[in-house]
Structures are given as structure tokens and as C-alpha cells.
Amino acid sequence: MARRDDQQWLTAEVGRLERELGDAPSQADLDRVEARTSDHEYRLDTLDGDIATLRDAVAEADHTARSHIADLDRRLDEVEDSAVDGTRRIDDLQRRTRWLEHHLRAADGVPTADLTADPDVVGLAHAERRARERRAAHLPDATRRRHHAAVAAHAGWVRRRDEVRRAALTASREIAGDGADGPHRADLAQRYREARSALDGLAEQAGSVRRHADTARAALERDDAVRTTDAGTVASGTAAGRVLSTRLRTRLTEMVGRHELPPVWFATVLGLGPPADSAPWFDAAVAVLRYRAAYDIDDAVQALGPEPTGDAEQSARRRQAWDLTAPFRVR
């Protein structure tokens, strides 16, 4: 019986294998699949080559475009530089023309303006200078603000210390009043410990906060005393400066209105007169005249006289006036 079952199983298995072998592809099918696969691989290789060629072309076009843009930028810069240089040359020619005009008009007897500072102008300039020098000796506003902040920090520390001290004393009294077995003793003890800890922290800060405040307070008191002493000088000098500006502008306006020739030292740095946009010219001219009056400059050639030595304030004022004349100097 077992042998007959094995025979049946073997027959069925052989039939199944024959069916599977009957459904398997033939060699011709396999050859066709291989041929088509090779064709697809060839096309893919061709596409890869085309893509690489396109990438190279795009990179070359990008490089060319960037080169053209860089070249255009350089050319634009050259054109702009050329335009700026042309403008400078025109300005220089105009200044030289005015300079020649100055000599021609002087030869024709055109009057030269007298821009020498009279005693009143010198007095005003010296008063303004004294006020400026006194202000320079005062503490800068930023320094005073820092000192005030240090004093305020100490005052805040004192307030905080007093608050914490009161809290500790209050907690201590309440603990004593609540008794050893009171229902709030644990909470009161915690409050007391926190207050004591805060007091210890504040005590560590005390020396530093107090020293900074004392230093700042002393500096402010000294500066307040100096400012009080200088108040009259600073106020009168500031007022003198306003009057001086009006006087100098009026004299310059008269010179221009009368078509007078400026002195040589003036024309060298400011030309013969103001351009169409006259405000910067007048500012520069007033700065030059103010400097000459304040520092007693009477040089007949140099508008601002020789470079000062050993006086930082005068050097700074001279440099400021010199910078203002830059657009108007005869080169």
C-alpha cells in the first residue's frame, strides 16, 4: 500500500516538472532578451555621453558669460574712473582760471578784501576758544552717566539690604511668637534661612559696590565744582561763538557782494569766491577765519599757518578747517 502511494506521488511530481519545463523560455527567447538588453545598454551609454557633452557645453557657456560680464564690469569701472578724472580736471581748470583771474583783476586795480581779524573779532574768537578749552576739561557726558549709574547701584544695594534685613527680623519675631511646636514654624524657619542667605550674598557685594559708588560720587562732585567755576566762561564763550559766526559770515558776504579780491592766503585754499552751492564754501571760509583769529595766525601765504606742535586741541581745529577747504583748494 505504501509502495503504491509512493508511485503515485512520483508520477505526479514528474508531471509537474514536465509542465514547468514546458513553460520555460527557449534559447531563442533568451538570445532575443540578451540582444535587447545589449541595445538598451548601448543607448544608455550614448545618453551618458550626450549628457556629459551638454554639461561641458553649459560649463563653457557659463565661463564665457562670466568672462564677458567681468570684462563689462572692468570697462564700466574704467568709464566711471575716466568720468571722475574728467570732472576733477574740469574743477582743476576752473580753479586755475579763477587764480589767473585773480592776478588779472589785481593788475587792473580791483581792491583786495581785508580779512584781517580786528580786535573785536579776536576777542570773540579767544572767548570762544577759552570756553572750548574749559569744556574739554569737564567729564564727558558718557563718563558722568557711568558714575551716576554706580551711585544708583549702591543706593539700590542699600534698599535691598534693608528689605532683606527687615524680612529676616520679621521671620525671627514670628518664630519666637509661634513657639517651638507652632503650626507655621517650618515655613517661618524657611523664610528666615532665605533672608539670611540673601543677607550673606549682599554682604559679599558690599565692599565692591561701596568703593565704586564712593569713587563715582567723588568724581561727580569734583566735576560739578569745576563746571560751576567755569559756568560763566563757558556761557559767555558760547555766546561769543554765535556772534563771531555772524560777524565772519557778514564780512565774507560783503567781500563777495563787492566783487573784492580775497587775499592770496585765502584764495589758495578757497578760490576767488563761492560756487553755485555756496553753503559748504561759506562753512569752510568761516572755519579758516575763525581758526586764524583764535590762534593769532597772520601768515600771508598759508591760510592756517604752520602745523602746531604740542597742542592737540589746536591741531584738531586746524585739521578740521583744512578738511573743509578740500573741495576748493587751487592745485
C-alpha atoms as a PDB file:
ATOM      1  CA  MET A   1       0.000   0.000   0.000  1.00  0.00           C
ATOM      2  CA  ALA A   2       2.861   2.394   0.834  1.00  0.00           C
ATOM      3  CA  ARG A   3       4.629   1.417  -2.341  1.00  0.00           C
ATOM      4  CA  ARG A   4       1.571   2.332  -4.400  1.00  0.00           C
ATOM      5  CA  ASP A   5       1.323   5.765  -2.715  1.00  0.00           C
ATOM      6  CA  ASP A   6       4.975   6.471  -3.433  1.00  0.00           C
ATOM      7  CA  GLN A   7       4.461   5.552  -7.050  1.00  0.00           C
ATOM      8  CA  GLN A   8       1.529   7.925  -7.351  1.00  0.00           C
ATOM      9  CA  TRP A   9       3.466  10.780  -5.727  1.00  0.00           C
ATOM     10  CA  LEU A  10       6.434  10.200  -8.022  1.00  0.00           C
ATOM     11  CA  THR A  11       4.170  10.201 -11.095  1.00  0.00           C
ATOM     12  CA  ALA A  12       2.548  13.471 -10.011  1.00  0.00           C
ATOM     13  CA  GLU A  13       5.930  15.094  -9.304  1.00  0.00           C
ATOM     14  CA  VAL A  14       7.273  14.082 -12.709  1.00  0.00           C
ATOM     15  CA  GLY A  15       4.193  15.556 -14.354  1.00  0.00           C
ATOM     16  CA  ARG A  16       4.652  18.821 -12.510  1.00  0.00           C
ATOM     17  CA  LEU A  17       8.286  19.081 -13.551  1.00  0.00           C
ATOM     18  CA  GLU A  18       7.425  18.394 -17.163  1.00  0.00           C
ATOM     19  CA  ARG A  19       4.819  21.155 -17.106  1.00  0.00           C
ATOM     20  CA  GLU A  20       7.318  23.640 -15.620  1.00  0.00           C
ATOM     21  CA  LEU A  21       9.958  22.678 -18.182  1.00  0.00           C
ATOM     22  CA  GLY A  22       7.384  23.083 -20.907  1.00  0.00           C
ATOM     23  CA  ASP A  23       6.712  26.704 -19.782  1.00  0.00           C
ATOM     24  CA  ALA A  24      10.480  27.663 -19.585  1.00  0.00           C
ATOM     25  CA  PRO A  25      11.830  30.086 -22.285  1.00  0.00           C
ATOM     26  CA  SER A  26      13.687  28.644 -25.212  1.00  0.00           C
ATOM     27  CA  GLN A  27      17.269  29.531 -26.123  1.00  0.00           C
ATOM     28  CA  ALA A  28      15.997  31.775 -28.901  1.00  0.00           C
ATOM     29  CA  ASP A  29      13.952  33.746 -26.364  1.00  0.00           C
ATOM     30  CA  LEU A  30      16.992  34.114 -24.163  1.00  0.00           C
ATOM     31  CA  ASP A  31      19.073  35.307 -27.131  1.00  0.00           C
ATOM     32  CA  ARG A  32      16.466  37.932 -28.037  1.00  0.00           C
ATOM     33  CA  VAL A  33      16.335  39.223 -24.453  1.00  0.00           C
ATOM     34  CA  GLU A  34      20.120  39.437 -24.346  1.00  0.00           C
ATOM     35  CA  ALA A  35      20.179  41.311 -27.652  1.00  0.00           C
ATOM     36  CA  ARG A  36      17.589  43.825 -26.475  1.00  0.00           C
ATOM     37  CA  THR A  37      19.430  44.277 -23.176  1.00  0.00           C
ATOM     38  CA  SER A  38      22.667  44.996 -25.032  1.00  0.00           C
ATOM     39  CA  ASP A  39      20.842  47.511 -27.234  1.00  0.00           C
ATOM     40  CA  HIS A  40      19.442  49.331 -24.188  1.00  0.00           C
ATOM     41  CA  GLU A  41      22.866  49.388 -22.526  1.00  0.00           C
ATOM     42  CA  TYR A  42      24.352  50.909 -25.703  1.00  0.00           C
ATOM     43  CA  ARG A  43      21.662  53.580 -25.785  1.00  0.00           C
ATOM     44  CA  LEU A  44      22.228  54.368 -22.110  1.00  0.00           C
ATOM     45  CA  ASP A  45      25.953  54.716 -22.721  1.00  0.00           C
ATOM     46  CA  THR A  46      25.204  57.025 -25.655  1.00  0.00           C
ATOM     47  CA  LEU A  47      22.877  59.123 -23.496  1.00  0.00           C
ATOM     48  CA  ASP A  48      25.538  59.374 -20.768  1.00  0.00           C
ATOM     49  CA  GLY A  49      27.983  60.647 -23.361  1.00  0.00           C
ATOM     50  CA  ASP A  50      25.474  63.202 -24.660  1.00  0.00           C
ATOM     51  CA  ILE A  51      24.747  64.401 -21.128  1.00  0.00           C
ATOM     52  CA  ALA A  52      28.464  64.789 -20.390  1.00  0.00           C
ATOM     53  CA  THR A  53      28.869  66.735 -23.656  1.00  0.00           C
ATOM     54  CA  LEU A  54      25.949  69.007 -22.715  1.00  0.00           C
ATOM     55  CA  ARG A  55      27.408  69.591 -19.263  1.00  0.00           C
ATOM     56  CA  ASP A  56      30.739  70.584 -20.773  1.00  0.00           C
ATOM     57  CA  ALA A  57      28.967  72.926 -23.177  1.00  0.00           C
ATOM     58  CA  VAL A  58      26.949  74.521 -20.369  1.00  0.00           C
ATOM     59  CA  ALA A  59      30.086  74.962 -18.215  1.00  0.00           C
ATOM     60  CA  GLU A  60      31.924  76.534 -21.137  1.00  0.00           C
ATOM     61  CA  ALA A  61      28.994  78.864 -21.879  1.00  0.00           C
ATOM     62  CA  ASP A  62      28.819  79.839 -18.174  1.00  0.00           C
ATOM     63  CA  HIS A  63      32.552  80.541 -18.108  1.00  0.00           C
ATOM     64  CA  THR A  64      32.277  82.613 -21.292  1.00  0.00           C
ATOM     65  CA  ALA A  65      29.313  84.561 -19.932  1.00  0.00           C
ATOM     66  CA  ARG A  66      31.105  85.257 -16.647  1.00  0.00           C
ATOM     67  CA  SER A  67      34.199  86.393 -18.531  1.00  0.00           C
ATOM     68  CA  HIS A  68      32.083  88.771 -20.641  1.00  0.00           C
ATOM     69  CA  ILE A  69      30.356  90.137 -17.515  1.00  0.00           C
ATOM     70  CA  ALA A  70      33.692  90.648 -15.739  1.00  0.00           C
ATOM     71  CA  ASP A  71      35.046  92.387 -18.839  1.00  0.00           C
ATOM     72  CA  LEU A  72      31.982  94.643 -18.976  1.00  0.00           C
ATOM     73  CA  ASP A  73      32.388  95.459 -15.269  1.00  0.00           C
ATOM     74  CA  ARG A  74      36.020  96.405 -15.843  1.00  0.00           C
ATOM     75  CA  ARG A  75      35.081  98.594 -18.783  1.00  0.00           C
ATOM     76  CA  LEU A  76      32.329 100.289 -16.757  1.00  0.00           C
ATOM     77  CA  ASP A  77      34.809 100.941 -13.947  1.00  0.00           C
ATOM     78  CA  GLU A  78      37.235 102.427 -16.463  1.00  0.00           C
ATOM     79  CA  VAL A  79      34.495 104.657 -17.885  1.00  0.00           C
ATOM     80  CA  GLU A  80      33.478 105.786 -14.380  1.00  0.00           C
ATOM     81  CA  ASP A  81      37.094 106.444 -13.408  1.00  0.00           C
ATOM     82  CA  SER A  82      37.564 108.371 -16.611  1.00  0.00           C
ATOM     83  CA  ALA A  83      34.448 110.435 -15.915  1.00  0.00           C
ATOM     84  CA  VAL A  84      35.588 111.172 -12.344  1.00  0.00           C
ATOM     85  CA  ASP A  85      39.046 112.084 -13.605  1.00  0.00           C
ATOM     86  CA  GLY A  86      37.484 114.347 -16.234  1.00  0.00           C
ATOM     87  CA  THR A  87      35.382 116.067 -13.579  1.00  0.00           C
ATOM     88  CA  ARG A  88      38.475 116.609 -11.454  1.00  0.00           C
ATOM     89  CA  ARG A  89      40.351 118.027 -14.400  1.00  0.00           C
ATOM     90  CA  ILE A  90      37.488 120.413 -15.156  1.00  0.00           C
ATOM     91  CA  ASP A  91      37.384 121.509 -11.499  1.00  0.00           C
ATOM     92  CA  ASP A  92      41.144 121.999 -11.529  1.00  0.00           C
ATOM     93  CA  LEU A  93      40.965 124.060 -14.720  1.00  0.00           C
ATOM     94  CA  GLN A  94      38.209 126.187 -13.224  1.00  0.00           C
ATOM     95  CA  ARG A  95      40.288 126.825 -10.115  1.00  0.00           C
ATOM     96  CA  ARG A  96      43.329 127.695 -12.209  1.00  0.00           C
ATOM     97  CA  THR A  97      41.169 130.017 -14.292  1.00  0.00           C
ATOM     98  CA  ARG A  98      39.954 131.756 -11.158  1.00  0.00           C
ATOM     99  CA  TRP A  99      43.540 132.018  -9.968  1.00  0.00           C
ATOM    100  CA  LEU A 100      44.600 133.672 -13.232  1.00  0.00           C
ATOM    101  CA  GLU A 101      41.561 135.899 -12.986  1.00  0.00           C
ATOM    102  CA  HIS A 102      42.697 136.904  -9.518  1.00  0.00           C
ATOM    103  CA  HIS A 103      46.051 138.119 -10.810  1.00  0.00           C
ATOM    104  CA  LEU A 104      44.493 139.854 -13.812  1.00  0.00           C
ATOM    105  CA  ARG A 105      41.974 141.666 -11.650  1.00  0.00           C
ATOM    106  CA  ALA A 106      44.669 142.598  -9.170  1.00  0.00           C
ATOM    107  CA  ALA A 107      46.706 144.003 -12.047  1.00  0.00           C
ATOM    108  CA  ASP A 108      43.675 146.048 -13.096  1.00  0.00           C
ATOM    109  CA  GLY A 109      43.447 147.616  -9.654  1.00  0.00           C
ATOM    110  CA  VAL A 110      40.482 145.654  -8.284  1.00  0.00           C
ATOM    111  CA  PRO A 111      40.523 146.164  -4.490  1.00  0.00           C
ATOM    112  CA  THR A 112      41.603 143.282  -2.263  1.00  0.00           C
ATOM    113  CA  ALA A 113      39.395 142.468   0.692  1.00  0.00           C
ATOM    114  CA  ASP A 114      40.848 142.994   4.126  1.00  0.00           C
ATOM    115  CA  LEU A 115      40.119 139.795   6.033  1.00  0.00           C
ATOM    116  CA  THR A 116      42.474 140.579   8.887  1.00  0.00           C
ATOM    117  CA  ALA A 117      40.727 139.943  12.188  1.00  0.00           C
ATOM    118  CA  ASP A 118      40.012 143.196  14.020  1.00  0.00           C
ATOM    119  CA  PRO A 119      40.341 143.370  17.825  1.00  0.00           C
ATOM    120  CA  ASP A 120      36.637 142.687  18.373  1.00  0.00           C
ATOM    121  CA  VAL A 121      36.774 139.529  16.242  1.00  0.00           C
ATOM    122  CA  VAL A 122      39.950 138.391  18.003  1.00  0.00           C
ATOM    123  CA  GLY A 123      38.296 138.960  21.380  1.00  0.00           C
ATOM    124  CA  LEU A 124      35.260 136.916  20.382  1.00  0.00           C
ATOM    125  CA  ALA A 125      37.440 134.116  18.988  1.00  0.00           C
ATOM    126  CA  HIS A 126      39.572 133.996  22.135  1.00  0.00           C
ATOM    127  CA  ALA A 127      36.479 133.906  24.360  1.00  0.00           C
ATOM    128  CA  GLU A 128      35.065 131.018  22.321  1.00  0.00           C
ATOM    129  CA  ARG A 129      38.406 129.228  22.493  1.00  0.00           C
ATOM    130  CA  ARG A 130      38.586 129.595  26.285  1.00  0.00           C
ATOM    131  CA  ALA A 131      35.076 128.174  26.617  1.00  0.00           C
ATOM    132  CA  ARG A 132      36.006 125.237  24.392  1.00  0.00           C
ATOM    133  CA  GLU A 133      39.142 124.543  26.424  1.00  0.00           C
ATOM    134  CA  ARG A 134      37.196 124.654  29.691  1.00  0.00           C
ATOM    135  CA  ARG A 135      34.539 122.270  28.341  1.00  0.00           C
ATOM    136  CA  ALA A 136      37.322 119.882  27.326  1.00  0.00           C
ATOM    137  CA  ALA A 137      38.397 119.754  30.986  1.00  0.00           C
ATOM    138  CA  HIS A 138      34.927 118.577  32.059  1.00  0.00           C
ATOM    139  CA  LEU A 139      33.997 114.930  32.352  1.00  0.00           C
ATOM    140  CA  PRO A 140      32.346 113.642  29.155  1.00  0.00           C
ATOM    141  CA  ASP A 141      28.608 113.016  29.425  1.00  0.00           C
ATOM    142  CA  ALA A 142      29.106 109.258  28.954  1.00  0.00           C
ATOM    143  CA  THR A 143      31.521 109.160  31.906  1.00  0.00           C
ATOM    144  CA  ARG A 144      29.111 111.095  34.093  1.00  0.00           C
ATOM    145  CA  ARG A 145      26.333 108.642  33.184  1.00  0.00           C
ATOM    146  CA  ARG A 146      28.538 105.722  34.269  1.00  0.00           C
ATOM    147  CA  HIS A 147      29.311 107.461  37.565  1.00  0.00           C
ATOM    148  CA  HIS A 148      25.627 108.164  38.192  1.00  0.00           C
ATOM    149  CA  ALA A 149      24.869 104.501  37.497  1.00  0.00           C
ATOM    150  CA  ALA A 150      27.468 103.415  40.083  1.00  0.00           C
ATOM    151  CA  VAL A 151      25.936 105.731  42.707  1.00  0.00           C
ATOM    152  CA  ALA A 152      22.439 104.462  41.866  1.00  0.00           C
ATOM    153  CA  ALA A 153      23.655 100.843  42.103  1.00  0.00           C
ATOM    154  CA  HIS A 154      24.872 101.471  45.645  1.00  0.00           C
ATOM    155  CA  ALA A 155      21.585 103.101  46.603  1.00  0.00           C
ATOM    156  CA  GLY A 156      19.748 100.076  45.194  1.00  0.00           C
ATOM    157  CA  TRP A 157      22.027  97.759  47.167  1.00  0.00           C
ATOM    158  CA  VAL A 158      21.228  99.647  50.385  1.00  0.00           C
ATOM    159  CA  ARG A 159      17.471  99.409  49.714  1.00  0.00           C
ATOM    160  CA  ARG A 160      17.713  95.694  49.016  1.00  0.00           C
ATOM    161  CA  ARG A 161      19.810  95.087  52.148  1.00  0.00           C
ATOM    162  CA  ASP A 162      17.280  96.933  54.318  1.00  0.00           C
ATOM    163  CA  GLU A 163      14.382  94.967  52.789  1.00  0.00           C
ATOM    164  CA  VAL A 164      16.077  91.612  53.378  1.00  0.00           C
ATOM    165  CA  ARG A 165      17.125  92.611  56.909  1.00  0.00           C
ATOM    166  CA  ARG A 166      13.531  93.520  57.752  1.00  0.00           C
ATOM    167  CA  ALA A 167      12.342  90.207  56.315  1.00  0.00           C
ATOM    168  CA  ALA A 168      14.843  88.285  58.477  1.00  0.00           C
ATOM    169  CA  LEU A 169      13.838  90.193  61.642  1.00  0.00           C
ATOM    170  CA  THR A 170      10.147  89.685  60.918  1.00  0.00           C
ATOM    171  CA  ALA A 171      10.629  85.963  60.402  1.00  0.00           C
ATOM    172  CA  SER A 172      12.670  85.741  63.627  1.00  0.00           C
ATOM    173  CA  ARG A 173       9.991  87.516  65.672  1.00  0.00           C
ATOM    174  CA  GLU A 174       7.241  85.341  64.229  1.00  0.00           C
ATOM    175  CA  ILE A 175       9.206  82.192  65.014  1.00  0.00           C
ATOM    176  CA  ALA A 176       9.561  83.360  68.617  1.00  0.00           C
ATOM    177  CA  GLY A 177       5.884  84.142  68.811  1.00  0.00           C
ATOM    178  CA  ASP A 178       4.775  80.862  67.202  1.00  0.00           C
ATOM    179  CA  GLY A 179       6.517  78.707  69.763  1.00  0.00           C
ATOM    180  CA  ALA A 180       8.615  75.590  69.392  1.00  0.00           C
ATOM    181  CA  ASP A 181       5.672  73.474  68.230  1.00  0.00           C
ATOM    182  CA  GLY A 182       3.757  76.119  66.334  1.00  0.00           C
ATOM    183  CA  PRO A 183       1.984  75.113  63.084  1.00  0.00           C
ATOM    184  CA  HIS A 184       3.869  77.694  60.992  1.00  0.00           C
ATOM    185  CA  ARG A 185       7.333  77.135  62.446  1.00  0.00           C
ATOM    186  CA  ALA A 186       8.707  75.210  59.447  1.00  0.00           C
ATOM    187  CA  ASP A 187       7.531  77.836  56.958  1.00  0.00           C
ATOM    188  CA  LEU A 188       8.876  80.687  59.109  1.00  0.00           C
ATOM    189  CA  ALA A 189      12.210  78.931  59.531  1.00  0.00           C
ATOM    190  CA  GLN A 190      12.493  78.567  55.760  1.00  0.00           C
ATOM    191  CA  ARG A 191      11.754  82.266  55.275  1.00  0.00           C
ATOM    192  CA  TYR A 192      14.386  83.149  57.850  1.00  0.00           C
ATOM    193  CA  ARG A 193      17.016  80.952  56.207  1.00  0.00           C
ATOM    194  CA  GLU A 194      16.321  82.503  52.789  1.00  0.00           C
ATOM    195  CA  ALA A 195      16.619  86.021  54.218  1.00  0.00           C
ATOM    196  CA  ARG A 196      19.891  85.141  55.980  1.00  0.00           C
ATOM    197  CA  SER A 197      21.282  83.667  52.747  1.00  0.00           C
ATOM    198  CA  ALA A 198      20.335  86.816  50.831  1.00  0.00           C
ATOM    199  CA  LEU A 199      21.975  88.975  53.519  1.00  0.00           C
ATOM    200  CA  ASP A 200      25.177  86.938  53.247  1.00  0.00           C
ATOM    201  CA  GLY A 201      25.205  87.458  49.459  1.00  0.00           C
ATOM    202  CA  LEU A 202      24.673  91.177  49.835  1.00  0.00           C
ATOM    203  CA  ALA A 203      27.438  91.373  52.416  1.00  0.00           C
ATOM    204  CA  GLU A 204      29.860  89.867  49.899  1.00  0.00           C
ATOM    205  CA  GLN A 205      28.980  92.640  47.414  1.00  0.00           C
ATOM    206  CA  ALA A 206      29.163  95.456  49.967  1.00  0.00           C
ATOM    207  CA  GLY A 207      32.843  96.383  49.625  1.00  0.00           C
ATOM    208  CA  SER A 208      32.912  96.491  45.825  1.00  0.00           C
ATOM    209  CA  VAL A 209      29.600  98.345  45.463  1.00  0.00           C
ATOM    210  CA  ARG A 210      30.574 100.912  48.085  1.00  0.00           C
ATOM    211  CA  ARG A 211      34.034 101.541  46.615  1.00  0.00           C
ATOM    212  CA  HIS A 212      32.659 102.095  43.119  1.00  0.00           C
ATOM    213  CA  ALA A 213      29.973 104.419  44.451  1.00  0.00           C
ATOM    214  CA  ASP A 214      32.433 106.426  46.568  1.00  0.00           C
ATOM    215  CA  THR A 215      34.820 106.821  43.612  1.00  0.00           C
ATOM    216  CA  ALA A 216      31.998 107.843  41.283  1.00  0.00           C
ATOM    217  CA  ARG A 217      30.480 110.257  43.786  1.00  0.00           C
ATOM    218  CA  ALA A 218      33.825 111.964  44.372  1.00  0.00           C
ATOM    219  CA  ALA A 219      34.442 112.295  40.621  1.00  0.00           C
ATOM    220  CA  LEU A 220      30.998 113.809  40.084  1.00  0.00           C
ATOM    221  CA  GLU A 221      31.472 116.250  42.934  1.00  0.00           C
ATOM    222  CA  ARG A 222      34.826 117.401  41.536  1.00  0.00           C
ATOM    223  CA  ASP A 223      33.357 117.775  38.053  1.00  0.00           C
ATOM    224  CA  ASP A 224      30.341 119.665  39.411  1.00  0.00           C
ATOM    225  CA  ALA A 225      32.666 122.061  41.196  1.00  0.00           C
ATOM    226  CA  VAL A 226      34.727 122.643  38.041  1.00  0.00           C
ATOM    227  CA  ARG A 227      31.592 123.149  35.956  1.00  0.00           C
ATOM    228  CA  THR A 228      30.266 125.652  38.480  1.00  0.00           C
ATOM    229  CA  THR A 229      33.543 127.581  38.368  1.00  0.00           C
ATOM    230  CA  ASP A 230      33.600 127.505  34.571  1.00  0.00           C
ATOM    231  CA  ALA A 231      29.921 128.257  34.048  1.00  0.00           C
ATOM    232  CA  GLY A 232      30.437 131.970  33.347  1.00  0.00           C
ATOM    233  CA  THR A 233      33.368 131.387  30.982  1.00  0.00           C
ATOM    234  CA  VAL A 234      31.534 128.668  29.086  1.00  0.00           C
ATOM    235  CA  ALA A 235      28.307 130.661  28.792  1.00  0.00           C
ATOM    236  CA  SER A 236      29.999 133.863  27.617  1.00  0.00           C
ATOM    237  CA  GLY A 237      32.271 131.909  25.234  1.00  0.00           C
ATOM    238  CA  THR A 238      29.337 130.083  23.702  1.00  0.00           C
ATOM    239  CA  ALA A 239      27.520 133.371  23.132  1.00  0.00           C
ATOM    240  CA  ALA A 240      30.725 134.885  21.695  1.00  0.00           C
ATOM    241  CA  GLY A 241      30.945 131.987  19.237  1.00  0.00           C
ATOM    242  CA  ARG A 242      27.477 132.725  17.876  1.00  0.00           C
ATOM    243  CA  VAL A 243      28.277 136.422  17.447  1.00  0.00           C
ATOM    244  CA  LEU A 244      31.606 135.539  15.828  1.00  0.00           C
ATOM    245  CA  SER A 245      29.931 133.287  13.247  1.00  0.00           C
ATOM    246  CA  THR A 246      27.572 136.105  12.279  1.00  0.00           C
ATOM    247  CA  ARG A 247      30.407 138.634  12.020  1.00  0.00           C
ATOM    248  CA  LEU A 248      32.557 136.417   9.832  1.00  0.00           C
ATOM    249  CA  ARG A 249      29.736 135.417   7.508  1.00  0.00           C
ATOM    250  CA  THR A 250      28.735 139.042   7.125  1.00  0.00           C
ATOM    251  CA  ARG A 251      32.275 140.040   6.181  1.00  0.00           C
ATOM    252  CA  LEU A 252      32.521 137.229   3.621  1.00  0.00           C
ATOM    253  CA  THR A 253      29.149 138.163   2.131  1.00  0.00           C
ATOM    254  CA  GLU A 254      30.327 141.777   1.801  1.00  0.00           C
ATOM    255  CA  MET A 255      33.513 140.661   0.038  1.00  0.00           C
ATOM    256  CA  VAL A 256      31.556 138.577  -2.472  1.00  0.00           C
ATOM    257  CA  GLY A 257      28.902 141.255  -2.971  1.00  0.00           C
ATOM    258  CA  ARG A 258      31.514 143.957  -3.655  1.00  0.00           C
ATOM    259  CA  HIS A 259      33.458 141.683  -6.028  1.00  0.00           C
ATOM    260  CA  GLU A 260      36.578 142.226  -3.962  1.00  0.00           C
ATOM    261  CA  LEU A 261      39.624 140.018  -4.408  1.00  0.00           C
ATOM    262  CA  PRO A 262      40.397 137.826  -1.398  1.00  0.00           C
ATOM    263  CA  PRO A 263      43.944 137.825  -0.027  1.00  0.00           C
ATOM    264  CA  VAL A 264      46.390 135.354  -1.539  1.00  0.00           C
ATOM    265  CA  TRP A 265      46.384 133.099   1.537  1.00  0.00           C
ATOM    266  CA  PHE A 266      42.583 132.887   1.320  1.00  0.00           C
ATOM    267  CA  ALA A 267      42.374 132.309  -2.459  1.00  0.00           C
ATOM    268  CA  THR A 268      44.888 129.453  -2.250  1.00  0.00           C
ATOM    269  CA  VAL A 269      42.524 127.292  -0.211  1.00  0.00           C
ATOM    270  CA  LEU A 270      39.114 128.741  -1.102  1.00  0.00           C
ATOM    271  CA  GLY A 271      39.442 130.289  -4.552  1.00  0.00           C
ATOM    272  CA  LEU A 272      38.089 133.690  -5.505  1.00  0.00           C
ATOM    273  CA  GLY A 273      34.530 133.143  -4.368  1.00  0.00           C
ATOM    274  CA  PRO A 274      31.791 130.647  -3.643  1.00  0.00           C
ATOM    275  CA  PRO A 275      30.479 128.142  -6.228  1.00  0.00           C
ATOM    276  CA  ALA A 276      26.774 127.813  -7.065  1.00  0.00           C
ATOM    277  CA  ASP A 277      26.274 125.637  -3.992  1.00  0.00           C
ATOM    278  CA  SER A 278      27.706 128.223  -1.645  1.00  0.00           C
ATOM    279  CA  ALA A 279      26.859 126.798   1.804  1.00  0.00           C
ATOM    280  CA  PRO A 280      29.888 124.439   2.095  1.00  0.00           C
ATOM    281  CA  TRP A 281      32.185 127.221   0.844  1.00  0.00           C
ATOM    282  CA  PHE A 282      30.946 129.671   3.478  1.00  0.00           C
ATOM    283  CA  ASP A 283      31.289 126.999   6.196  1.00  0.00           C
ATOM    284  CA  ALA A 284      34.893 126.352   5.173  1.00  0.00           C
ATOM    285  CA  ALA A 285      35.705 130.077   4.913  1.00  0.00           C
ATOM    286  CA  VAL A 286      34.261 130.809   8.361  1.00  0.00           C
ATOM    287  CA  ALA A 287      36.276 127.881   9.814  1.00  0.00           C
ATOM    288  CA  VAL A 288      39.501 129.291   8.321  1.00  0.00           C
ATOM    289  CA  LEU A 289      38.864 132.841   9.579  1.00  0.00           C
ATOM    290  CA  ARG A 290      37.793 131.551  12.994  1.00  0.00           C
ATOM    291  CA  TYR A 291      40.987 129.489  13.316  1.00  0.00           C
ATOM    292  CA  ARG A 292      43.205 132.407  12.320  1.00  0.00           C
ATOM    293  CA  ALA A 293      41.529 134.702  14.853  1.00  0.00           C
ATOM    294  CA  ALA A 294      41.516 132.140  17.674  1.00  0.00           C
ATOM    295  CA  TYR A 295      45.202 131.265  17.352  1.00  0.00           C
ATOM    296  CA  ASP A 296      46.532 134.651  16.189  1.00  0.00           C
ATOM    297  CA  ILE A 297      47.607 133.429  12.746  1.00  0.00           C
ATOM    298  CA  ASP A 298      48.826 136.256  10.490  1.00  0.00           C
ATOM    299  CA  ASP A 299      50.707 134.209   7.877  1.00  0.00           C
ATOM    300  CA  ALA A 300      50.486 135.975   4.492  1.00  0.00           C
ATOM    301  CA  VAL A 301      50.888 132.746   2.474  1.00  0.00           C
ATOM    302  CA  GLN A 302      49.466 129.849   4.454  1.00  0.00           C
ATOM    303  CA  ALA A 303      45.814 130.235   5.347  1.00  0.00           C
ATOM    304  CA  LEU A 304      46.179 128.172   8.517  1.00  0.00           C
ATOM    305  CA  GLY A 305      49.803 128.954   9.274  1.00  0.00           C
ATOM    306  CA  PRO A 306      52.367 126.291  10.177  1.00  0.00           C
ATOM    307  CA  GLU A 307      51.393 122.978  11.749  1.00  0.00           C
ATOM    308  CA  PRO A 308      51.216 123.490  15.538  1.00  0.00           C
ATOM    309  CA  THR A 309      53.327 121.349  17.829  1.00  0.00           C
ATOM    310  CA  GLY A 310      52.442 120.205  21.318  1.00  0.00           C
ATOM    311  CA  ASP A 311      48.827 121.420  21.259  1.00  0.00           C
ATOM    312  CA  ALA A 312      46.407 118.604  20.423  1.00  0.00           C
ATOM    313  CA  GLU A 313      43.354 120.873  20.552  1.00  0.00           C
ATOM    314  CA  GLN A 314      44.831 123.376  18.088  1.00  0.00           C
ATOM    315  CA  SER A 315      45.999 120.580  15.786  1.00  0.00           C
ATOM    316  CA  ALA A 316      42.493 119.116  15.740  1.00  0.00           C
ATOM    317  CA  ARG A 317      40.912 122.502  14.960  1.00  0.00           C
ATOM    318  CA  ARG A 318      43.448 123.140  12.189  1.00  0.00           C
ATOM    319  CA  ARG A 319      42.826 119.723  10.648  1.00  0.00           C
ATOM    320  CA  GLN A 320      39.075 120.275  10.765  1.00  0.00           C
ATOM    321  CA  ALA A 321      39.353 123.618   8.941  1.00  0.00           C
ATOM    322  CA  TRP A 322      41.811 122.159   6.430  1.00  0.00           C
ATOM    323  CA  ASP A 323      39.480 119.262   5.602  1.00  0.00           C
ATOM    324  CA  LEU A 324      36.589 121.655   4.976  1.00  0.00           C
ATOM    325  CA  THR A 325      38.630 123.515   2.324  1.00  0.00           C
ATOM    326  CA  ALA A 326      39.476 120.335   0.361  1.00  0.00           C
ATOM    327  CA  PRO A 327      36.886 120.862  -2.443  1.00  0.00           C
ATOM    328  CA  PHE A 328      38.012 124.461  -3.056  1.00  0.00           C
ATOM    329  CA  ARG A 329      41.809 124.385  -2.964  1.00  0.00           C
ATOM    330  CA  VAL A 330      43.796 125.546  -6.001  1.00  0.00           C
ATOM    331  CA  ARG A 331      46.017 122.687  -7.152  1.00  0.00           C
END
